[in-house]
Amino acid sequence: MTDIKKTGPADEPPTPPTPAGGPEAIKAIPVRHYGRYLSGAIALIAFAAIVYAFSQGRINWDAIPDYFFDDRILKGVGQTLLLTALSMVIGVVGGILLAVMRLSKNPVTSSIAWFYIWFFRGTPVLVQLFVWFNLGLVFEYINLGPVYKDEWSSFMTPLLTALLGLGLNEAAYMAEICRAGLLSVDEGQTEASQALGMSHSKTLRRIVVPQAMRVIVPPTGNEVINMLKTTSLVAAVQFSELFRYAQDIGQTSGAPVEMYFLAAAWYLIMTSVLSVGQYYLERYYARGSSRSLPPTPLQKIRANVLSLGRPKGGSA
């Protein structure tokens, strides 16, 4: 009788003993990005060279804080903000109307909206301002029948010129932004509202426009910031705002370049504040489309501060 050789765990090669401290940790060697180091060094050197060049220039830096809160400068800031707000109101209202006309099935209203957008987007803002300002050379009077009649020079004030030049031009851009937002809403939403018996205007107000705001708000915020900077062009049509007052102070004080730096600083402050407002407005309208909203700057700072106090490898 032959013996049957049985195999089992005893015949397997022995497993090497495990170290008492557990498996050896993998030593990860980080990849060195020499290109990043080189580009960062070049950027720092270029920035230092620019700062050094301006420090060696004949610039009276003390003049900037002396006039930073001057009454004329503060008045110019107020005029700039007022002009920005009024021009954007004209642009947004006009843009919504033009977008609805552009999407209309009526070929006449659609063609008129297309021509308006084509004309105002195709001509520079400064040219439009000069056209409005010099229409008095073409029309001696403005006659609206029994409603209003006056000389054109008295009617077309610098403020009205600025509002028409900036507001009507902005309406052309806002029309395309609003049209893109309206087209982003699924057609099924409109069909469902019509099946419920809602009129076209009520469908726009209650169904389409609220959903389109998520697409409309971000570029509109950019347009507000761009409008704030574009208001500096109205100095050419004798409307006094921040840039015009800075120019006047620079001519009388003998520090024109310094006043340009001062105006630039105020523009940076105002655009920074508007950028923060734009961020929170976008966050508000993104609630219906994102499951988790991105953290705010304050939340990011708080998280970074708390992470610095946590021990490595532990939990707070």
Foldseek 3Di string as FASTA:
>chain_A
DDDDDDDDPVPDDDDDDADPVGDDDDDDDDDDDVVVVVVVVVVVVVVVVVVVVVVPDPADLVVLVVCLVPPLLVQQAVVLVVLLVLLLVLQQVLLLCLLCQCPDPPPVSVVVSVVLLCVLVVDDLLVQLVCLLPCLVVDQWDDPDPPDIDGSNVVSDLSNSSSCSRNSSSNSVSNVQLNVLLVVDDVVQVVVCVVVVDDPVCCVVPPRVLNSCLSNLLVSLVVSLVSSVVSLSSVVSVDRHNNVSLCVCCVVVVRNVSSVVSSVVSSVVVNVVSVLVSVVVSQVSCPVPDPDGDDDPVVVVVVVVVVVPDDPPDDD
